[in-house]
Amino acid sequence: MPLVVNPAQMDRKSRIVALRLVLLTLRCMENWKHDVDDYDRAMILVAVAAITAERLLRADHSESHAALKEPLPPGLMARCNVSSIASATGLNRESTRRKVDSLIEKGLLVRLENGTITFAPGVVQEQSTQALVRRQLEGVVRTTNDLVRDGVLEFAKDDPNANPDGV
């Protein structure tokens, strides 16, 4: 059964909901920042992941592409460059270029011959990446459980008129 927002409870508890979401965001950013020294570099890593691999969510994918431990074939990844990262993060292009270069020097990213920026081979498959994703998921679960206890999220009833997106 999907979760949906209870609009009345959302209105009554909007400050609590906002605080829970702020805390989730902060925890997630702290997790993303684990291997880099600032939030800008963390956001760049998040942007590279989203830009290069988002299309997997919009198409059928083989089971082997669903697990982080298996590298994605380059043909499945979208192109990502300094401009697309700057746009996604809101950082100016020059700052983005410098920070991308520092992430390349650190061995987390690579720049391919065609200018595409992607994760260095093996980085996504490292155990630390799997642990990071697990910590992020556990944070989402804690927040979701809290919002269910608050009555803001609830399991959808069998209502044929209910919105399938939960809002």
N, C-alpha and C. Protein backbone atom coordinates (compact mmCIF):
# COMPACT_ATOMS: atom_id res chain seq x y z
N MET A 1 0.83 -1.18 0.00
CA MET A 1 0.00 0.00 0.00
C MET A 1 0.87 1.24 0.00
N PRO A 2 0.58 2.18 -0.86
CA PRO A 2 1.38 3.41 -0.90
C PRO A 2 1.06 4.35 0.26
N LEU A 3 2.03 5.18 0.59
CA LEU A 3 1.82 6.23 1.58
C LEU A 3 1.27 7.45 0.88
N VAL A 4 0.41 8.17 1.57
CA VAL A 4 -0.14 9.42 1.06
C VAL A 4 -0.07 10.48 2.16
N VAL A 5 -0.16 11.72 1.76
CA VAL A 5 -0.17 12.83 2.72
C VAL A 5 -1.59 13.03 3.22
N ASN A 6 -1.73 13.15 4.52
CA ASN A 6 -3.01 13.52 5.13
C ASN A 6 -3.00 15.05 5.17
N PRO A 7 -3.75 15.71 4.28
CA PRO A 7 -3.67 17.18 4.18
C PRO A 7 -4.06 17.91 5.47
N ALA A 8 -5.05 17.40 6.19
CA ALA A 8 -5.48 18.07 7.42
C ALA A 8 -4.37 18.01 8.47
N GLN A 9 -3.76 16.84 8.62
CA GLN A 9 -2.66 16.69 9.58
C GLN A 9 -1.44 17.50 9.13
N MET A 10 -1.22 17.56 7.84
CA MET A 10 -0.10 18.34 7.31
C MET A 10 -0.28 19.81 7.70
N ASP A 11 -1.49 20.33 7.55
CA ASP A 11 -1.75 21.72 7.92
C ASP A 11 -1.57 21.93 9.42
N ARG A 12 -2.09 21.01 10.22
CA ARG A 12 -2.01 21.15 11.67
C ARG A 12 -0.59 21.02 12.19
N LYS A 13 0.23 20.21 11.50
CA LYS A 13 1.57 19.92 12.00
C LYS A 13 2.67 20.39 11.03
N SER A 14 2.38 21.43 10.28
CA SER A 14 3.33 21.86 9.23
C SER A 14 4.69 22.25 9.79
N ARG A 15 4.75 22.83 10.98
CA ARG A 15 6.05 23.18 11.56
C ARG A 15 6.85 21.91 11.89
N ILE A 16 6.18 20.91 12.44
CA ILE A 16 6.85 19.64 12.76
C ILE A 16 7.33 18.97 11.48
N VAL A 17 6.50 18.97 10.45
CA VAL A 17 6.88 18.37 9.16
C VAL A 17 8.10 19.09 8.61
N ALA A 18 8.06 20.42 8.64
CA ALA A 18 9.19 21.20 8.12
C ALA A 18 10.47 20.86 8.89
N LEU A 19 10.38 20.78 10.21
CA LEU A 19 11.56 20.46 11.01
C LEU A 19 12.08 19.06 10.72
N ARG A 20 11.18 18.10 10.58
CA ARG A 20 11.62 16.73 10.26
C ARG A 20 12.34 16.71 8.90
N LEU A 21 11.81 17.44 7.93
CA LEU A 21 12.43 17.47 6.61
C LEU A 21 13.76 18.21 6.63
N VAL A 22 13.84 19.28 7.41
CA VAL A 22 15.10 20.01 7.54
C VAL A 22 16.16 19.11 8.17
N LEU A 23 15.78 18.38 9.22
CA LEU A 23 16.73 17.48 9.87
C LEU A 23 17.17 16.35 8.94
N LEU A 24 16.24 15.82 8.16
CA LEU A 24 16.60 14.79 7.18
C LEU A 24 17.59 15.35 6.16
N THR A 25 17.31 16.55 5.66
CA THR A 25 18.20 17.17 4.68
C THR A 25 19.58 17.38 5.27
N LEU A 26 19.63 17.88 6.50
CA LEU A 26 20.92 18.11 7.15
C LEU A 26 21.69 16.81 7.33
N ARG A 27 21.01 15.76 7.81
CA ARG A 27 21.67 14.46 7.97
C ARG A 27 22.18 13.93 6.63
N CYS A 28 21.36 14.06 5.61
CA CYS A 28 21.77 13.59 4.28
C CYS A 28 23.00 14.36 3.79
N MET A 29 23.00 15.68 3.97
CA MET A 29 24.15 16.47 3.53
C MET A 29 25.40 16.09 4.33
N GLU A 30 25.25 15.86 5.61
CA GLU A 30 26.41 15.42 6.41
C GLU A 30 26.94 14.08 5.89
N ASN A 31 26.04 13.18 5.54
CA ASN A 31 26.47 11.89 4.98
C ASN A 31 27.19 12.08 3.64
N TRP A 32 26.62 12.90 2.75
CA TRP A 32 27.23 13.12 1.44
C TRP A 32 28.60 13.77 1.61
N LYS A 33 28.76 14.60 2.63
CA LYS A 33 30.01 15.33 2.85
C LYS A 33 31.10 14.46 3.46
N HIS A 34 30.78 13.26 3.82
CA HIS A 34 31.70 12.39 4.54
C HIS A 34 33.09 12.29 3.91
N ASP A 35 33.19 12.15 2.60
CA ASP A 35 34.47 11.92 1.94
C ASP A 35 35.09 13.17 1.32
N VAL A 36 34.44 14.32 1.50
CA VAL A 36 34.97 15.57 0.97
C VAL A 36 34.96 16.61 2.08
N ASP A 37 35.60 17.73 1.84
CA ASP A 37 35.79 18.68 2.92
C ASP A 37 34.78 19.83 2.96
N ASP A 38 33.85 19.88 2.03
CA ASP A 38 32.85 20.95 2.10
C ASP A 38 31.56 20.55 1.38
N TYR A 39 30.53 21.35 1.66
CA TYR A 39 29.22 21.05 1.08
C TYR A 39 29.18 21.25 -0.43
N ASP A 40 29.94 22.21 -0.95
CA ASP A 40 29.95 22.41 -2.40
C ASP A 40 30.44 21.16 -3.11
N ARG A 41 31.51 20.58 -2.62
CA ARG A 41 32.03 19.35 -3.25
C ARG A 41 31.05 18.19 -3.08
N ALA A 42 30.40 18.15 -1.93
CA ALA A 42 29.38 17.11 -1.73
C ALA A 42 28.25 17.28 -2.73
N MET A 43 27.81 18.53 -2.93
CA MET A 43 26.73 18.78 -3.90
C MET A 43 27.17 18.43 -5.32
N ILE A 44 28.44 18.67 -5.62
CA ILE A 44 28.95 18.30 -6.95
C ILE A 44 28.88 16.79 -7.15
N LEU A 45 29.26 16.03 -6.14
CA LEU A 45 29.18 14.56 -6.25
C LEU A 45 27.73 14.11 -6.42
N VAL A 46 26.82 14.72 -5.66
CA VAL A 46 25.40 14.39 -5.79
C VAL A 46 24.91 14.73 -7.20
N ALA A 47 25.31 15.90 -7.70
CA ALA A 47 24.88 16.31 -9.04
C ALA A 47 25.41 15.37 -10.11
N VAL A 48 26.67 14.97 -10.00
CA VAL A 48 27.24 14.04 -10.99
C VAL A 48 26.46 12.72 -10.98
N ALA A 49 26.15 12.22 -9.80
CA ALA A 49 25.37 10.98 -9.71
C ALA A 49 24.00 11.15 -10.36
N ALA A 50 23.32 12.25 -10.04
CA ALA A 50 21.97 12.48 -10.57
C ALA A 50 21.99 12.69 -12.08
N ILE A 51 22.90 13.51 -12.54
CA ILE A 51 22.95 13.84 -13.97
C ILE A 51 23.30 12.62 -14.80
N THR A 52 24.31 11.86 -14.38
CA THR A 52 24.77 10.75 -15.21
C THR A 52 23.83 9.55 -15.18
N ALA A 53 23.13 9.33 -14.09
CA ALA A 53 22.39 8.08 -13.95
C ALA A 53 20.87 8.22 -13.83
N GLU A 54 20.34 9.43 -13.81
CA GLU A 54 18.90 9.61 -13.61
C GLU A 54 18.05 8.86 -14.64
N ARG A 55 18.54 8.75 -15.83
CA ARG A 55 17.73 8.08 -16.88
C ARG A 55 17.41 6.64 -16.53
N LEU A 56 18.18 6.02 -15.64
CA LEU A 56 17.86 4.65 -15.21
C LEU A 56 16.49 4.58 -14.54
N LEU A 57 16.07 5.67 -13.93
CA LEU A 57 14.77 5.69 -13.26
C LEU A 57 13.61 5.83 -14.24
N ARG A 58 13.91 6.26 -15.45
CA ARG A 58 12.86 6.50 -16.44
C ARG A 58 12.73 5.39 -17.47
N ALA A 59 13.54 4.37 -17.34
CA ALA A 59 13.51 3.32 -18.35
C ALA A 59 13.65 1.96 -17.67
N ASP A 60 13.27 0.94 -18.41
CA ASP A 60 13.51 -0.41 -17.90
C ASP A 60 15.02 -0.63 -17.85
N HIS A 61 15.46 -1.26 -16.82
CA HIS A 61 16.88 -1.55 -16.70
C HIS A 61 17.05 -3.00 -16.31
N SER A 62 18.18 -3.54 -16.69
CA SER A 62 18.41 -4.93 -16.32
C SER A 62 18.72 -4.99 -14.84
N GLU A 63 18.54 -6.15 -14.26
CA GLU A 63 18.80 -6.34 -12.84
C GLU A 63 20.24 -6.00 -12.50
N SER A 64 21.16 -6.24 -13.41
CA SER A 64 22.57 -5.96 -13.13
C SER A 64 22.84 -4.46 -13.01
N HIS A 65 21.99 -3.63 -13.58
CA HIS A 65 22.18 -2.17 -13.49
C HIS A 65 21.56 -1.60 -12.21
N ALA A 66 20.81 -2.40 -11.49
CA ALA A 66 20.12 -1.92 -10.30
C ALA A 66 21.04 -1.88 -9.07
N ALA A 67 22.12 -2.61 -9.08
CA ALA A 67 22.99 -2.70 -7.91
C ALA A 67 24.25 -1.84 -8.12
N LEU A 68 24.63 -1.10 -7.07
CA LEU A 68 25.82 -0.26 -7.13
C LEU A 68 27.09 -1.04 -7.37
N LYS A 69 27.11 -2.30 -6.95
CA LYS A 69 28.36 -3.07 -7.06
C LYS A 69 28.72 -3.40 -8.51
N GLU A 70 27.78 -3.20 -9.42
CA GLU A 70 28.05 -3.44 -10.84
C GLU A 70 28.22 -2.10 -11.56
N PRO A 71 29.36 -1.87 -12.21
CA PRO A 71 29.55 -0.61 -12.94
C PRO A 71 28.53 -0.47 -14.07
N LEU A 72 28.11 0.76 -14.32
CA LEU A 72 27.21 1.02 -15.44
C LEU A 72 28.00 1.13 -16.73
N PRO A 73 27.49 0.55 -17.79
CA PRO A 73 28.15 0.75 -19.09
C PRO A 73 28.09 2.23 -19.46
N PRO A 74 29.16 2.79 -20.00
CA PRO A 74 29.17 4.22 -20.33
C PRO A 74 28.00 4.66 -21.21
N GLY A 75 27.52 3.78 -22.09
CA GLY A 75 26.41 4.13 -22.97
C GLY A 75 25.10 4.39 -22.25
N LEU A 76 24.96 3.92 -21.02
CA LEU A 76 23.74 4.15 -20.26
C LEU A 76 23.76 5.48 -19.50
N MET A 77 24.94 6.06 -19.38
CA MET A 77 25.06 7.28 -18.59
C MET A 77 24.90 8.51 -19.47
N ALA A 78 24.24 9.51 -18.92
CA ALA A 78 24.08 10.78 -19.62
C ALA A 78 25.38 11.58 -19.50
N ARG A 79 25.58 12.50 -20.42
CA ARG A 79 26.76 13.37 -20.37
C ARG A 79 26.60 14.36 -19.23
N CYS A 80 27.72 14.62 -18.59
CA CYS A 80 27.76 15.55 -17.47
C CYS A 80 29.01 16.40 -17.63
N ASN A 81 28.86 17.71 -17.55
CA ASN A 81 30.02 18.59 -17.68
C ASN A 81 29.94 19.69 -16.62
N VAL A 82 30.93 20.55 -16.60
CA VAL A 82 30.99 21.60 -15.59
C VAL A 82 29.74 22.47 -15.65
N SER A 83 29.27 22.79 -16.84
CA SER A 83 28.08 23.65 -16.97
C SER A 83 26.84 22.98 -16.38
N SER A 84 26.65 21.69 -16.65
CA SER A 84 25.46 21.00 -16.12
C SER A 84 25.57 20.86 -14.60
N ILE A 85 26.77 20.66 -14.09
CA ILE A 85 26.96 20.57 -12.63
C ILE A 85 26.68 21.93 -12.00
N ALA A 86 27.21 23.00 -12.60
CA ALA A 86 26.98 24.36 -12.07
C ALA A 86 25.49 24.67 -12.06
N SER A 87 24.81 24.31 -13.12
CA SER A 87 23.37 24.56 -13.19
C SER A 87 22.62 23.78 -12.11
N ALA A 88 22.99 22.52 -11.92
CA ALA A 88 22.29 21.68 -10.95
C ALA A 88 22.55 22.11 -9.51
N THR A 89 23.74 22.62 -9.23
CA THR A 89 24.11 22.97 -7.86
C THR A 89 23.88 24.43 -7.51
N GLY A 90 23.78 25.28 -8.52
CA GLY A 90 23.65 26.71 -8.26
C GLY A 90 24.98 27.39 -8.01
N LEU A 91 26.07 26.65 -8.16
CA LEU A 91 27.40 27.23 -8.00
C LEU A 91 27.79 27.94 -9.29
N ASN A 92 28.64 28.97 -9.19
CA ASN A 92 29.08 29.61 -10.43
C ASN A 92 30.02 28.67 -11.16
N ARG A 93 30.13 28.87 -12.46
CA ARG A 93 30.85 27.93 -13.32
C ARG A 93 32.32 27.81 -12.93
N GLU A 94 32.98 28.92 -12.61
CA GLU A 94 34.41 28.88 -12.27
C GLU A 94 34.65 28.13 -10.96
N SER A 95 33.83 28.39 -9.95
CA SER A 95 33.96 27.65 -8.68
C SER A 95 33.72 26.17 -8.92
N THR A 96 32.72 25.86 -9.73
CA THR A 96 32.42 24.46 -10.04
C THR A 96 33.62 23.81 -10.71
N ARG A 97 34.22 24.50 -11.69
CA ARG A 97 35.37 23.93 -12.39
C ARG A 97 36.51 23.64 -11.41
N ARG A 98 36.81 24.59 -10.52
CA ARG A 98 37.90 24.40 -9.56
C ARG A 98 37.61 23.23 -8.62
N LYS A 99 36.38 23.15 -8.16
CA LYS A 99 36.03 22.09 -7.21
C LYS A 99 35.98 20.72 -7.91
N VAL A 100 35.51 20.70 -9.16
CA VAL A 100 35.55 19.45 -9.93
C VAL A 100 37.00 19.02 -10.10
N ASP A 101 37.88 19.97 -10.44
CA ASP A 101 39.30 19.63 -10.60
C ASP A 101 39.88 19.05 -9.31
N SER A 102 39.48 19.60 -8.16
CA SER A 102 39.99 19.07 -6.88
C SER A 102 39.46 17.66 -6.63
N LEU A 103 38.22 17.39 -7.05
CA LEU A 103 37.65 16.04 -6.88
C LEU A 103 38.32 15.05 -7.84
N ILE A 104 38.75 15.55 -8.99
CA ILE A 104 39.51 14.71 -9.93
C ILE A 104 40.87 14.39 -9.31
N GLU A 105 41.53 15.41 -8.75
CA GLU A 105 42.83 15.18 -8.09
C GLU A 105 42.71 14.21 -6.93
N LYS A 106 41.60 14.25 -6.23
CA LYS A 106 41.37 13.36 -5.08
C LYS A 106 41.05 11.93 -5.54
N GLY A 107 40.76 11.75 -6.84
CA GLY A 107 40.49 10.42 -7.37
C GLY A 107 39.03 10.00 -7.30
N LEU A 108 38.14 10.95 -7.01
CA LEU A 108 36.72 10.61 -6.94
C LEU A 108 36.02 10.75 -8.30
N LEU A 109 36.47 11.72 -9.10
CA LEU A 109 35.88 11.96 -10.43
C LEU A 109 36.97 11.84 -11.48
N VAL A 110 36.54 11.66 -12.72
CA VAL A 110 37.43 11.70 -13.88
C VAL A 110 36.77 12.55 -14.96
N ARG A 111 37.62 13.13 -15.81
CA ARG A 111 37.14 13.86 -16.99
C ARG A 111 37.55 13.03 -18.20
N LEU A 112 36.57 12.60 -18.97
CA LEU A 112 36.85 11.78 -20.15
C LEU A 112 37.33 12.67 -21.29
N GLU A 113 37.84 12.07 -22.35
CA GLU A 113 38.36 12.82 -23.50
C GLU A 113 37.34 13.77 -24.10
N ASN A 114 36.07 13.39 -24.07
CA ASN A 114 35.03 14.25 -24.65
C ASN A 114 34.54 15.32 -23.66
N GLY A 115 35.19 15.43 -22.50
CA GLY A 115 34.82 16.44 -21.51
C GLY A 115 33.80 15.98 -20.49
N THR A 116 33.25 14.79 -20.68
CA THR A 116 32.28 14.27 -19.72
C THR A 116 32.94 14.02 -18.37
N ILE A 117 32.23 14.41 -17.32
CA ILE A 117 32.71 14.18 -15.95
C ILE A 117 31.89 13.06 -15.36
N THR A 118 32.56 12.10 -14.78
CA THR A 118 31.89 10.96 -14.17
C THR A 118 32.72 10.47 -12.97
N PHE A 119 32.19 9.53 -12.26
CA PHE A 119 32.93 8.97 -11.14
C PHE A 119 34.11 8.16 -11.65
N ALA A 120 35.19 8.21 -10.91
CA ALA A 120 36.37 7.43 -11.26
C ALA A 120 36.01 5.95 -11.18
N PRO A 121 36.63 5.14 -12.02
CA PRO A 121 36.34 3.70 -11.99
C PRO A 121 36.51 3.13 -10.58
N GLY A 122 35.52 2.38 -10.15
CA GLY A 122 35.56 1.71 -8.87
C GLY A 122 35.02 2.51 -7.69
N VAL A 123 34.91 3.82 -7.82
CA VAL A 123 34.45 4.65 -6.68
C VAL A 123 33.04 4.25 -6.25
N VAL A 124 32.15 4.09 -7.20
CA VAL A 124 30.76 3.76 -6.87
C VAL A 124 30.66 2.36 -6.27
N GLN A 125 31.57 1.48 -6.66
CA GLN A 125 31.52 0.09 -6.18
C GLN A 125 32.18 -0.09 -4.82
N GLU A 126 32.84 0.92 -4.29
CA GLU A 126 33.50 0.79 -2.98
C GLU A 126 32.49 0.52 -1.88
N GLN A 127 32.92 -0.20 -0.88
CA GLN A 127 32.06 -0.52 0.27
C GLN A 127 31.59 0.75 0.97
N SER A 128 32.44 1.78 0.99
CA SER A 128 32.05 3.03 1.66
C SER A 128 30.86 3.69 0.97
N THR A 129 30.75 3.52 -0.35
CA THR A 129 29.59 4.07 -1.08
C THR A 129 28.33 3.30 -0.69
N GLN A 130 28.44 1.99 -0.61
CA GLN A 130 27.30 1.17 -0.19
C GLN A 130 26.85 1.57 1.22
N ALA A 131 27.82 1.79 2.11
CA ALA A 131 27.50 2.19 3.49
C ALA A 131 26.84 3.57 3.52
N LEU A 132 27.30 4.47 2.68
CA LEU A 132 26.70 5.81 2.59
C LEU A 132 25.24 5.72 2.17
N VAL A 133 24.97 4.95 1.14
CA VAL A 133 23.59 4.79 0.66
C VAL A 133 22.73 4.17 1.75
N ARG A 134 23.28 3.22 2.47
CA ARG A 134 22.54 2.59 3.58
C ARG A 134 22.20 3.63 4.66
N ARG A 135 23.17 4.48 5.03
CA ARG A 135 22.90 5.52 6.04
C ARG A 135 21.83 6.49 5.55
N GLN A 136 21.88 6.83 4.28
CA GLN A 136 20.87 7.75 3.72
C GLN A 136 19.49 7.10 3.79
N LEU A 137 19.40 5.86 3.40
CA LEU A 137 18.12 5.15 3.41
C LEU A 137 17.58 5.02 4.83
N GLU A 138 18.44 4.74 5.77
CA GLU A 138 18.00 4.65 7.17
C GLU A 138 17.45 5.98 7.66
N GLY A 139 18.04 7.09 7.23
CA GLY A 139 17.51 8.42 7.58
C GLY A 139 16.14 8.65 6.99
N VAL A 140 15.94 8.24 5.75
CA VAL A 140 14.62 8.37 5.11
C VAL A 140 13.60 7.53 5.86
N VAL A 141 13.97 6.31 6.24
CA VAL A 141 13.06 5.43 6.97
C VAL A 141 12.68 6.04 8.32
N ARG A 142 13.68 6.55 9.06
CA ARG A 142 13.38 7.19 10.36
C ARG A 142 12.41 8.35 10.19
N THR A 143 12.68 9.20 9.21
CA THR A 143 11.82 10.37 8.99
C THR A 143 10.42 9.93 8.56
N THR A 144 10.34 8.96 7.67
CA THR A 144 9.04 8.47 7.23
C THR A 144 8.26 7.88 8.40
N ASN A 145 8.91 7.07 9.21
CA ASN A 145 8.24 6.50 10.38
C ASN A 145 7.75 7.60 11.34
N ASP A 146 8.57 8.62 11.54
CA ASP A 146 8.15 9.74 12.38
C ASP A 146 6.91 10.44 11.80
N LEU A 147 6.90 10.65 10.50
CA LEU A 147 5.76 11.32 9.86
C LEU A 147 4.51 10.45 9.89
N VAL A 148 4.68 9.14 9.84
CA VAL A 148 3.53 8.23 9.99
C VAL A 148 3.00 8.33 11.41
N ARG A 149 3.91 8.29 12.40
CA ARG A 149 3.47 8.43 13.80
C ARG A 149 2.79 9.78 14.04
N ASP A 150 3.25 10.82 13.35
CA ASP A 150 2.64 12.14 13.48
C ASP A 150 1.27 12.21 12.81
N GLY A 151 0.94 11.20 11.99
CA GLY A 151 -0.33 11.19 11.28
C GLY A 151 -0.32 11.99 9.99
N VAL A 152 0.84 12.50 9.60
CA VAL A 152 0.95 13.30 8.39
C VAL A 152 1.02 12.41 7.15
N LEU A 153 1.67 11.28 7.29
CA LEU A 153 1.68 10.27 6.23
C LEU A 153 0.84 9.11 6.71
N GLU A 154 0.09 8.56 5.79
CA GLU A 154 -0.74 7.40 6.13
C GLU A 154 -0.81 6.48 4.93
N PHE A 155 -1.16 5.25 5.21
CA PHE A 155 -1.31 4.30 4.11
C PHE A 155 -2.60 4.58 3.38
N ALA A 156 -2.53 4.57 2.06
CA ALA A 156 -3.69 4.88 1.23
C ALA A 156 -4.77 3.84 1.45
N LYS A 157 -5.96 4.32 1.51
CA LYS A 157 -7.11 3.41 1.56
C LYS A 157 -7.45 3.01 0.14
N ASP A 158 -8.19 1.97 0.00
CA ASP A 158 -8.55 1.51 -1.35
C ASP A 158 -9.57 2.45 -1.96
N ASP A 159 -9.14 3.65 -2.28
CA ASP A 159 -10.02 4.66 -2.87
C ASP A 159 -9.66 4.81 -4.34
N PRO A 160 -10.56 4.46 -5.24
CA PRO A 160 -10.24 4.56 -6.67
C PRO A 160 -9.97 5.98 -7.12
N ASN A 161 -10.44 6.97 -6.34
CA ASN A 161 -10.21 8.38 -6.71
C ASN A 161 -8.95 8.96 -6.10
N ALA A 162 -8.24 8.16 -5.30
CA ALA A 162 -7.03 8.67 -4.62
C ALA A 162 -5.95 8.95 -5.64
N ASN A 163 -5.15 9.96 -5.35
CA ASN A 163 -4.04 10.31 -6.21
C ASN A 163 -2.94 9.26 -6.04
N PRO A 164 -2.49 8.62 -7.11
CA PRO A 164 -1.47 7.58 -7.00
C PRO A 164 -0.11 8.11 -6.57
N ASP A 165 0.13 9.42 -6.69
CA ASP A 165 1.42 9.99 -6.29
C ASP A 165 1.45 10.33 -4.82
N GLY A 166 0.34 10.18 -4.11
CA GLY A 166 0.32 10.38 -2.67
C GLY A 166 0.18 11.82 -2.22
N VAL A 167 -0.20 12.70 -3.12
CA VAL A 167 -0.41 14.11 -2.72
C VAL A 167 -1.77 14.60 -3.11
